[in-house]
Amino acid sequence: MSSTILIIDDEAPIREVLSGILSDEGFDPLCAASAEEGLTILAEHEVHLVLLDIWLPGMDGIAALEKIKQDNNEVPVIMISGHGSIETAVQATRLGAFDFIEKPLSYDKIVLAINQGLRFSRLEQENKLLRETKPSGSASAIIGDSAIVSHLRVQIERVAPTDASVLILGGHGTGKELVAQAIHSQSNRTKRPMIEVNCAAIPEELIESELFGYEKGAFTGADKAKKGKFDQANGSTLFLDEIGDMSMKSQAKVLRILQEQKFERVGGAKTIEVDVRILAATNKNLEQEIEQGHFRADLFYRLNVVPIQLPDLKDRLEDIPALVASFLEQFRSKGLGKKRFAGDALSMLMQHPWPGNIRELRNMVERLMIMVPGDIITAEDVAVFLTPGTFQPLTSSSEAGYSHLAFKDARKQFEHDYLKKKLEENEGNVSRTAQEIGIERSHLHKKVKALRINI
């Protein structure tokens, strides 16, 4: 089923050209010559996205945008204008516009913006439905539609029904625990909860009693016997997170359990037999740890029956819109409002290297949800709150940050710093810079002139 796009513009030639282009692209266009006519069409038809001119007879585009968002908040709106200003663009995005495109129109850019708006809207709806119908640990809860994530889901679905040990490898914040939960939730052990142990968080002198439990009187303060994590996980799954930080002594005992499925509690002589599936995770290179004498090779081979390597977020940037949509739904359910991201804000998030991976992105979305006033998060908000160092300040005024400036001045200062930096990286080549940052060459020329950037 094709998406219906409503074009609201008082210029008949623009309506005709846009309608033809959208038809060629497989969309179903509807046209209106005024805001009032457009609102009537919205009330009578299912519309998936609106292209809205700002300068209209009668009710202007800004007033129409406000009305659309009141009545159809889920419908993305892309503003178009031949007389736009930064202030107007800011006002439009604050009121809920997904994107803002200036005339003369670049039809390739319009089609791209439409596809992005429809995709983000669809992702928000899918994530909302997913949360209502899928268990949180299922492979379907692993967000993203990139090829690398699709492959990850296939790996999980293949290994989950077995009892094979799985070694989950990946950097901090890549979602190792989520993958472990997904494997457990699709296994034949899912009726019992997965037991988790963070090997890095438990002091070395306590990890054995945590893993294996202890008998009464085993040490000072042991006034009664206690089951360990292996005992608790009997018949279920034990997830050993950060196993690369486990001591060599503890590694030897874990190896015995994997080989024999039995152990003794600390201070005890009775052998306890268990049926435990092991999932382990680490951000370390265990083969290097083995060479350096910090990890047992025999334990590595026992754990590494099925290795699953998780990608860094920088290697799957195309999944950021889906991840953001998922996080927004989570935070909305926690009462953090109904904010949404403008198209330029999403584009900026996709340019960040994310050294902290998905955890950093999630924290960033939460920070913006809390700190940004209004319902729309723009690129300027992202620039202010993004992890320091992403965009290096280039002028004395930006060295102190943007927080001391009025919003209008902060946006201009950011644009000046960002464009100057990009132009310097491309040795002043305007065409190459425009292509890299995704704007028209003529538009970049206007920006350079207006912001008085010396090339």
Protein backbone atom coordinates (compact mmCIF):
# COMPACT_ATOMS: atom_id res chain seq x y z
CA MET A 1 0.00 0.00 0.00
CA SER A 2 1.47 3.35 -1.05
CA SER A 3 1.66 6.33 1.31
CA THR A 4 -0.63 9.30 0.82
CA ILE A 5 1.15 12.67 0.75
CA LEU A 6 -0.84 15.90 1.13
CA ILE A 7 0.67 18.93 -0.67
CA ILE A 8 -0.55 22.29 0.67
CA ASP A 9 0.77 25.12 -1.51
CA ASP A 10 -0.97 28.12 -3.11
CA GLU A 11 1.22 27.99 -6.25
CA ALA A 12 -0.43 25.72 -8.82
CA PRO A 13 2.81 24.96 -10.77
CA ILE A 14 4.52 23.72 -7.60
CA ARG A 15 1.53 21.54 -6.71
CA GLU A 16 1.52 20.06 -10.20
CA VAL A 17 5.26 19.37 -10.31
CA LEU A 18 5.35 17.91 -6.80
CA SER A 19 2.28 15.79 -7.51
CA GLY A 20 3.91 14.38 -10.66
CA ILE A 21 7.20 13.64 -8.92
CA LEU A 22 5.51 11.94 -5.97
CA SER A 23 3.34 9.86 -8.31
CA ASP A 24 6.49 8.74 -10.14
CA GLU A 25 8.02 7.78 -6.79
CA GLY A 26 5.05 5.56 -5.97
CA PHE A 27 3.21 7.88 -3.57
CA ASP A 28 -0.47 8.91 -3.72
CA PRO A 29 -0.50 12.75 -3.75
CA LEU A 30 -3.40 14.93 -2.67
CA CYS A 31 -3.33 18.68 -3.28
CA ALA A 32 -4.74 21.75 -1.53
CA ALA A 33 -4.35 25.43 -2.46
CA SER A 34 -4.92 26.73 1.08
CA ALA A 35 -4.47 25.69 4.69
CA GLU A 36 -8.23 25.55 5.17
CA GLU A 37 -8.65 23.19 2.21
CA GLY A 38 -5.76 21.07 3.45
CA LEU A 39 -7.26 20.70 6.93
CA THR A 40 -10.53 19.56 5.37
CA ILE A 41 -8.68 16.89 3.35
CA LEU A 42 -6.86 15.75 6.50
CA ALA A 43 -10.19 15.32 8.26
CA GLU A 44 -11.64 13.25 5.44
CA HIS A 45 -8.67 11.12 4.27
CA GLU A 46 -5.93 9.00 5.79
CA VAL A 47 -2.79 11.04 5.15
CA HIS A 48 0.68 9.74 5.99
CA LEU A 49 2.72 12.94 5.53
CA VAL A 50 2.10 16.62 4.76
CA LEU A 51 4.16 19.01 2.61
CA LEU A 52 3.14 22.45 3.89
CA ASP A 53 4.07 25.84 2.45
CA ILE A 54 4.59 28.57 5.04
CA TRP A 55 3.26 31.52 3.00
CA LEU A 56 -0.39 30.85 2.28
CA PRO A 57 -3.44 33.05 1.77
CA GLY A 58 -5.70 33.22 4.84
CA MET A 59 -4.34 30.88 7.50
CA ASP A 60 -0.54 30.73 7.13
CA GLY A 61 1.55 27.58 7.28
CA ILE A 62 2.70 28.07 10.87
CA ALA A 63 -0.89 28.34 12.12
CA ALA A 64 -1.85 25.34 9.97
CA LEU A 65 1.08 23.33 11.38
CA GLU A 66 -0.08 24.08 14.91
CA LYS A 67 -3.61 22.92 14.03
CA ILE A 68 -2.36 19.75 12.31
CA LYS A 69 -0.26 18.81 15.32
CA GLN A 70 -3.22 19.32 17.62
CA ASP A 71 -5.46 17.04 15.60
CA ASN A 72 -3.01 14.60 13.93
CA ASN A 73 0.11 14.60 16.05
CA GLU A 74 1.45 11.36 14.51
CA VAL A 75 1.49 12.76 10.94
CA PRO A 76 4.95 14.09 9.92
CA VAL A 77 4.90 17.60 8.44
CA ILE A 78 7.65 18.96 6.18
CA MET A 79 7.61 22.76 5.80
CA ILE A 80 8.56 24.41 2.49
CA SER A 81 9.16 28.11 1.95
CA GLY A 82 10.66 30.54 -0.52
CA HIS A 83 11.05 33.26 2.10
CA GLY A 84 12.30 31.27 5.06
CA SER A 85 14.45 32.51 7.88
CA ILE A 86 16.27 30.79 10.69
CA GLU A 87 13.67 32.13 13.12
CA THR A 88 10.82 30.69 11.03
CA ALA A 89 12.56 27.33 10.74
CA VAL A 90 13.13 27.20 14.49
CA GLN A 91 9.49 28.11 15.15
CA ALA A 92 8.29 25.42 12.73
CA THR A 93 10.44 22.68 14.25
CA ARG A 94 9.42 23.72 17.75
CA LEU A 95 5.78 23.35 16.74
CA GLY A 96 6.42 19.84 15.46
CA ALA A 97 7.65 20.04 11.84
CA PHE A 98 9.78 17.05 10.88
CA ASP A 99 11.91 19.05 8.45
CA PHE A 100 12.19 22.47 6.77
CA ILE A 101 13.08 22.85 3.07
CA GLU A 102 13.73 26.14 1.31
CA LYS A 103 12.73 27.07 -2.24
CA PRO A 104 13.87 26.73 -4.98
CA LEU A 105 13.07 23.14 -4.22
CA SER A 106 15.51 20.30 -4.67
CA TYR A 107 13.17 17.47 -5.57
CA ASP A 108 15.73 14.82 -4.65
CA LYS A 109 15.98 16.38 -1.20
CA ILE A 110 12.17 16.49 -0.87
CA VAL A 111 11.83 12.80 -1.75
CA LEU A 112 14.63 11.96 0.71
CA ALA A 113 12.97 14.00 3.48
CA ILE A 114 9.60 12.36 2.77
CA ASN A 115 11.11 8.88 2.98
CA GLN A 116 12.89 9.76 6.23
CA GLY A 117 9.72 11.23 7.74
CA LEU A 118 7.61 8.22 6.76
CA ARG A 119 10.25 5.79 8.00
CA PHE A 120 10.61 7.48 11.38
CA SER A 121 6.84 7.66 11.83
CA ARG A 122 6.50 4.00 10.92
CA LEU A 123 9.30 3.02 13.32
CA GLU A 124 7.63 4.83 16.21
CA GLN A 125 4.37 2.99 15.53
CA GLU A 126 6.12 -0.37 15.14
CA ASN A 127 8.08 0.06 18.36
CA LYS A 128 4.93 0.97 20.25
CA LEU A 129 3.20 -2.15 18.91
CA LEU A 130 6.29 -4.27 19.56
CA ARG A 131 6.34 -3.24 23.20
CA GLU A 132 2.69 -4.20 23.55
CA THR A 133 2.96 -7.62 21.89
CA LYS A 134 6.52 -8.94 22.31
CA PRO A 135 8.40 -9.99 25.46
CA SER A 136 11.28 -7.63 26.20
CA GLY A 137 13.88 -10.37 25.82
CA SER A 138 12.85 -11.65 22.40
CA ALA A 139 15.05 -11.27 19.35
CA SER A 140 12.37 -9.02 17.89
CA ALA A 141 13.15 -6.56 20.70
CA ILE A 142 16.64 -6.06 19.25
CA ILE A 143 16.05 -2.82 17.40
CA GLY A 144 17.32 -2.08 13.90
CA ASP A 145 16.88 -3.22 10.32
CA SER A 146 20.47 -3.02 9.10
CA ALA A 147 22.01 -6.11 7.52
CA ILE A 148 24.29 -6.66 10.51
CA VAL A 149 21.36 -6.62 12.97
CA SER A 150 19.32 -8.93 10.76
CA HIS A 151 22.23 -11.38 10.80
CA LEU A 152 22.42 -11.06 14.60
CA ARG A 153 18.75 -12.02 14.92
CA VAL A 154 19.35 -15.09 12.73
CA GLN A 155 22.25 -16.17 14.98
CA ILE A 156 20.10 -15.79 18.09
CA GLU A 157 17.20 -17.76 16.59
CA ARG A 158 19.55 -20.60 15.60
CA VAL A 159 21.44 -20.97 18.86
CA ALA A 160 18.62 -20.21 21.34
CA PRO A 161 16.79 -23.60 21.22
CA THR A 162 20.04 -25.50 21.91
CA ASP A 163 21.97 -25.90 25.18
CA ALA A 164 25.24 -24.73 23.61
CA SER A 165 27.41 -22.26 25.52
CA VAL A 166 27.51 -18.85 23.87
CA LEU A 167 30.27 -16.24 24.16
CA ILE A 168 28.91 -12.76 23.45
CA LEU A 169 31.65 -10.33 22.42
CA GLY A 170 31.34 -6.57 22.08
CA GLY A 171 32.31 -3.18 23.44
CA HIS A 172 30.70 -1.40 26.36
CA GLY A 173 27.10 -0.42 25.62
CA THR A 174 26.61 -2.64 22.55
CA GLY A 175 23.76 -4.65 24.10
CA LYS A 176 25.41 -7.88 25.30
CA GLU A 177 22.89 -8.35 28.12
CA LEU A 178 19.97 -7.81 25.72
CA VAL A 179 21.33 -10.53 23.43
CA ALA A 180 21.69 -12.90 26.40
CA GLN A 181 18.06 -12.21 27.39
CA ALA A 182 16.93 -12.83 23.81
CA ILE A 183 18.74 -16.18 23.70
CA HIS A 184 17.24 -17.26 27.03
CA SER A 185 13.71 -16.11 26.13
CA GLN A 186 13.73 -18.33 23.02
CA SER A 187 15.27 -21.35 24.72
CA ASN A 188 13.54 -24.33 26.31
CA ARG A 189 14.57 -22.91 29.71
CA THR A 190 12.49 -19.77 29.50
CA LYS A 191 9.98 -20.89 32.16
CA ARG A 192 12.62 -20.12 34.78
CA PRO A 193 14.35 -16.72 35.05
CA MET A 194 17.85 -16.19 33.72
CA ILE A 195 20.35 -15.65 36.56
CA GLU A 196 22.89 -12.89 35.96
CA VAL A 197 26.33 -12.32 37.48
CA ASN A 198 28.55 -9.30 36.79
CA CYS A 199 31.97 -10.82 37.34
CA ALA A 200 33.64 -7.39 37.30
CA ALA A 201 31.43 -6.01 40.08
CA ILE A 202 32.13 -8.74 42.66
CA PRO A 203 35.40 -8.61 44.67
CA GLU A 204 37.69 -11.57 43.96
CA GLU A 205 37.45 -12.87 47.53
CA LEU A 206 33.64 -13.03 47.28
CA ILE A 207 33.04 -14.32 43.78
CA GLU A 208 33.34 -18.00 44.72
CA SER A 209 30.72 -17.73 47.46
CA GLU A 210 28.49 -15.79 45.03
CA LEU A 211 28.83 -18.37 42.28
CA PHE A 212 28.85 -21.56 44.33
CA GLY A 213 27.17 -20.55 47.60
CA TYR A 214 28.41 -21.50 51.07
CA GLU A 215 27.59 -23.70 54.04
CA LYS A 216 26.78 -22.49 57.53
CA GLY A 217 30.00 -21.67 59.39
CA ALA A 218 32.13 -21.59 56.24
CA PHE A 219 33.54 -18.23 57.34
CA THR A 220 32.88 -15.51 59.90
CA GLY A 221 29.37 -14.19 59.42
CA ALA A 222 28.09 -17.28 57.57
CA ASP A 223 25.33 -17.98 60.12
CA LYS A 224 23.30 -20.00 57.61
CA ALA A 225 23.82 -21.78 54.31
CA LYS A 226 23.25 -19.84 51.09
CA LYS A 227 22.64 -21.01 47.54
CA GLY A 228 25.02 -19.68 44.91
CA LYS A 229 24.19 -18.47 41.40
CA PHE A 230 24.84 -21.88 39.83
CA ASP A 231 22.39 -23.46 42.27
CA GLN A 232 19.80 -20.74 41.56
CA ALA A 233 20.22 -21.28 37.82
CA ASN A 234 19.64 -25.04 37.99
CA GLY A 235 17.38 -25.91 35.05
CA SER A 236 17.81 -22.43 33.62
CA THR A 237 20.48 -20.11 32.17
CA LEU A 238 23.39 -18.43 33.93
CA PHE A 239 24.71 -15.25 32.31
CA LEU A 240 28.31 -14.49 33.29
CA ASP A 241 28.82 -10.87 32.27
CA GLU A 242 32.37 -9.47 31.99
CA ILE A 243 33.83 -12.95 32.42
CA GLY A 244 37.20 -11.64 31.28
CA ASP A 245 37.54 -10.05 34.73
CA MET A 246 37.17 -13.34 36.65
CA SER A 247 40.19 -14.56 38.63
CA MET A 248 42.16 -17.57 37.40
CA LYS A 249 41.16 -19.50 40.56
CA SER A 250 37.46 -18.94 39.91
CA GLN A 251 37.92 -19.76 36.23
CA ALA A 252 39.20 -23.23 37.20
CA LYS A 253 36.05 -23.93 39.24
CA VAL A 254 33.75 -22.66 36.51
CA LEU A 255 35.57 -24.92 34.04
CA ARG A 256 34.89 -27.94 36.26
CA ILE A 257 31.18 -27.16 36.38
CA LEU A 258 31.04 -26.86 32.59
CA GLN A 259 32.77 -30.22 32.28
CA GLU A 260 30.98 -32.14 35.02
CA GLN A 261 27.85 -30.08 35.86
CA LYS A 262 28.59 -30.41 39.59
CA PHE A 263 30.33 -28.42 42.35
CA GLU A 264 30.70 -27.99 46.12
CA ARG A 265 29.67 -24.95 48.10
CA VAL A 266 32.34 -22.99 49.95
CA GLY A 267 33.01 -24.78 53.23
CA GLY A 268 31.08 -27.85 52.12
CA ALA A 269 31.96 -31.38 51.06
CA LYS A 270 28.66 -32.39 49.46
CA THR A 271 28.71 -32.50 45.66
CA ILE A 272 25.75 -30.71 44.07
CA GLU A 273 24.72 -31.62 40.53
CA VAL A 274 23.12 -28.98 38.34
CA ASP A 275 21.81 -28.52 34.81
CA VAL A 276 22.90 -25.02 33.82
CA ARG A 277 23.34 -23.41 30.43
CA ILE A 278 26.14 -20.83 30.32
CA LEU A 279 26.03 -17.57 28.42
CA ALA A 280 29.11 -15.41 28.89
CA ALA A 281 30.01 -11.92 27.73
CA THR A 282 33.08 -9.73 27.68
CA ASN A 283 34.43 -6.59 26.08
CA LYS A 284 37.98 -7.97 26.24
CA ASN A 285 39.93 -9.87 23.61
CA LEU A 286 40.15 -13.21 25.40
CA GLU A 287 42.71 -14.62 22.99
CA GLN A 288 45.06 -11.78 23.96
CA GLU A 289 44.20 -12.37 27.62
CA ILE A 290 45.20 -16.02 27.16
CA GLU A 291 48.57 -15.01 25.63
CA GLN A 292 49.19 -12.69 28.59
CA GLY A 293 48.32 -15.42 31.11
CA HIS A 294 45.13 -13.77 32.38
CA PHE A 295 42.57 -16.24 31.04
CA ARG A 296 42.47 -20.02 30.78
CA ALA A 297 42.57 -21.37 27.23
CA ASP A 298 40.55 -24.48 28.19
CA LEU A 299 37.77 -22.33 29.67
CA PHE A 300 37.76 -20.11 26.58
CA TYR A 301 37.20 -23.13 24.31
CA ARG A 302 34.39 -24.36 26.57
CA LEU A 303 32.65 -20.97 26.47
CA ASN A 304 33.34 -20.23 22.82
CA VAL A 305 31.14 -22.98 21.37
CA VAL A 306 29.07 -20.34 19.57
CA PRO A 307 30.66 -16.87 19.48
CA ILE A 308 28.43 -13.87 18.72
CA GLN A 309 30.21 -10.61 17.90
CA LEU A 310 28.16 -7.46 18.47
CA PRO A 311 28.85 -4.44 16.24
CA ASP A 312 29.69 -0.97 17.49
CA LEU A 313 26.97 1.61 16.87
CA LYS A 314 29.26 3.49 14.47
CA ASP A 315 29.10 0.42 12.23
CA ARG A 316 25.28 0.49 12.10
CA LEU A 317 24.42 4.20 12.03
CA GLU A 318 21.42 3.50 9.80
CA ASP A 319 19.75 1.92 12.85
CA ILE A 320 19.82 5.18 14.85
CA PRO A 321 16.32 6.37 13.77
CA ALA A 322 14.85 3.03 14.86
CA LEU A 323 16.74 3.10 18.16
CA VAL A 324 15.68 6.69 18.83
CA ALA A 325 12.05 5.83 18.09
CA SER A 326 12.27 2.93 20.55
CA PHE A 327 13.85 5.05 23.28
CA LEU A 328 11.27 7.80 22.79
CA GLU A 329 8.48 5.29 23.32
CA GLN A 330 10.18 3.99 26.47
CA PHE A 331 10.66 7.44 27.97
CA ARG A 332 7.16 8.59 27.04
CA SER A 333 5.78 5.63 28.98
CA LYS A 334 7.80 6.85 31.96
CA GLY A 335 6.15 10.25 31.85
CA LEU A 336 8.91 12.27 30.17
CA GLY A 337 6.47 13.94 27.78
CA LYS A 338 5.75 13.39 24.10
CA LYS A 339 8.81 14.97 22.54
CA ARG A 340 9.95 13.95 19.08
CA PHE A 341 13.04 14.58 16.96
CA ALA A 342 13.12 16.89 13.96
CA GLY A 343 14.74 15.52 10.80
CA ASP A 344 17.88 17.65 11.19
CA ALA A 345 18.32 16.38 14.76
CA LEU A 346 18.24 12.76 13.59
CA SER A 347 20.75 13.59 10.86
CA MET A 348 23.10 15.07 13.44
CA LEU A 349 22.80 12.01 15.67
CA MET A 350 23.80 9.88 12.69
CA GLN A 351 27.02 11.90 12.29
CA HIS A 352 28.27 11.22 15.82
CA PRO A 353 30.83 8.39 16.37
CA TRP A 354 29.09 7.14 19.58
CA PRO A 355 32.09 5.78 21.50
CA GLY A 356 29.66 4.68 24.23
CA ASN A 357 27.53 2.81 21.68
CA ILE A 358 23.80 2.20 22.25
CA ARG A 359 24.02 3.04 25.95
CA GLU A 360 25.43 6.47 25.10
CA LEU A 361 22.68 7.05 22.53
CA ARG A 362 19.98 6.02 25.02
CA ASN A 363 21.41 8.34 27.67
CA MET A 364 21.53 11.14 25.11
CA VAL A 365 17.88 10.69 24.17
CA GLU A 366 16.87 10.65 27.83
CA ARG A 367 18.92 13.79 28.50
CA LEU A 368 17.25 15.61 25.63
CA MET A 369 13.81 14.44 26.72
CA ILE A 370 14.43 15.92 30.18
CA MET A 371 16.33 19.09 29.36
CA VAL A 372 14.82 20.40 26.11
CA PRO A 373 11.75 22.63 26.55
CA GLY A 374 8.88 22.15 24.13
CA ASP A 375 7.87 19.07 22.20
CA ILE A 376 10.38 19.07 19.32
CA ILE A 377 14.10 18.30 19.65
CA THR A 378 16.12 20.10 16.98
CA ALA A 379 19.70 19.90 15.71
CA GLU A 380 20.56 22.90 17.88
CA ASP A 381 19.40 21.03 20.98
CA VAL A 382 21.51 18.03 19.99
CA ALA A 383 24.55 20.26 19.42
CA VAL A 384 24.20 21.81 22.88
CA PHE A 385 23.75 18.55 24.77
CA LEU A 386 25.89 16.18 22.72
CA THR A 387 28.94 14.74 24.40
CA PRO A 388 31.65 17.44 24.48
CA GLY A 389 34.25 17.07 21.77
CA THR A 390 31.98 15.94 18.94
CA PHE A 391 32.11 19.34 17.26
CA GLN A 392 35.28 21.15 18.18
CA PRO A 393 34.73 24.85 18.93
CA LEU A 394 36.53 27.06 16.45
CA THR A 395 35.94 30.57 17.72
CA SER A 396 36.45 32.33 21.01
CA SER A 397 32.73 32.72 21.56
CA SER A 398 32.09 29.01 21.06
CA GLU A 399 34.91 27.97 23.39
CA ALA A 400 32.65 28.95 26.27
CA GLY A 401 29.78 26.90 24.77
CA TYR A 402 26.39 28.10 23.65
CA SER A 403 24.52 28.13 26.94
CA HIS A 404 25.12 31.84 27.57
CA LEU A 405 23.53 32.83 24.24
CA ALA A 406 19.92 33.38 23.27
CA PHE A 407 18.54 30.48 21.21
CA LYS A 408 18.65 32.43 17.93
CA ASP A 409 22.27 33.48 18.50
CA ALA A 410 23.27 29.99 19.65
CA ARG A 411 21.97 28.51 16.40
CA LYS A 412 23.88 31.03 14.30
CA GLN A 413 27.05 30.45 16.33
CA PHE A 414 26.75 26.70 15.97
CA GLU A 415 26.14 26.92 12.21
CA HIS A 416 29.16 29.21 11.86
CA ASP A 417 31.44 26.85 13.82
CA TYR A 418 30.14 23.68 12.19
CA LEU A 419 30.34 24.95 8.60
CA LYS A 420 33.73 26.55 9.10
CA LYS A 421 35.09 23.28 10.49
CA LYS A 422 33.68 21.25 7.60
CA LEU A 423 35.02 23.70 5.02
CA GLU A 424 38.47 23.57 6.61
CA GLU A 425 38.37 19.75 6.53
CA ASN A 426 37.64 19.96 2.78
CA GLU A 427 40.28 22.66 2.17
CA GLY A 428 37.63 25.26 1.30
CA ASN A 429 36.01 23.15 -1.41
CA VAL A 430 32.35 24.23 -1.28
CA SER A 431 31.03 21.50 -3.59
CA ARG A 432 32.71 18.70 -1.67
CA THR A 433 31.59 20.16 1.67
CA ALA A 434 27.99 20.53 0.50
CA GLN A 435 27.96 16.92 -0.67
CA GLU A 436 29.44 15.67 2.62
CA ILE A 437 26.94 17.45 4.88
CA GLY A 438 23.96 16.81 2.58
CA ILE A 439 22.85 20.28 1.45
CA GLU A 440 22.67 22.07 -1.88
CA ARG A 441 25.86 23.84 -3.04
CA SER A 442 23.93 27.09 -3.61
CA HIS A 443 22.43 26.85 -0.13
CA LEU A 444 25.88 26.41 1.40
CA HIS A 445 27.12 29.46 -0.52
CA LYS A 446 24.28 31.51 0.96
CA LYS A 447 25.06 30.26 4.45
CA VAL A 448 28.76 31.06 4.10
CA LYS A 449 27.95 34.58 2.95
CA ALA A 450 25.28 35.19 5.60
CA LEU A 451 27.48 33.90 8.43
CA ARG A 452 30.55 35.76 7.11
CA ILE A 453 32.75 32.69 6.97
CA ASN A 454 36.08 33.30 5.33
CA ILE A 455 37.07 30.47 3.01
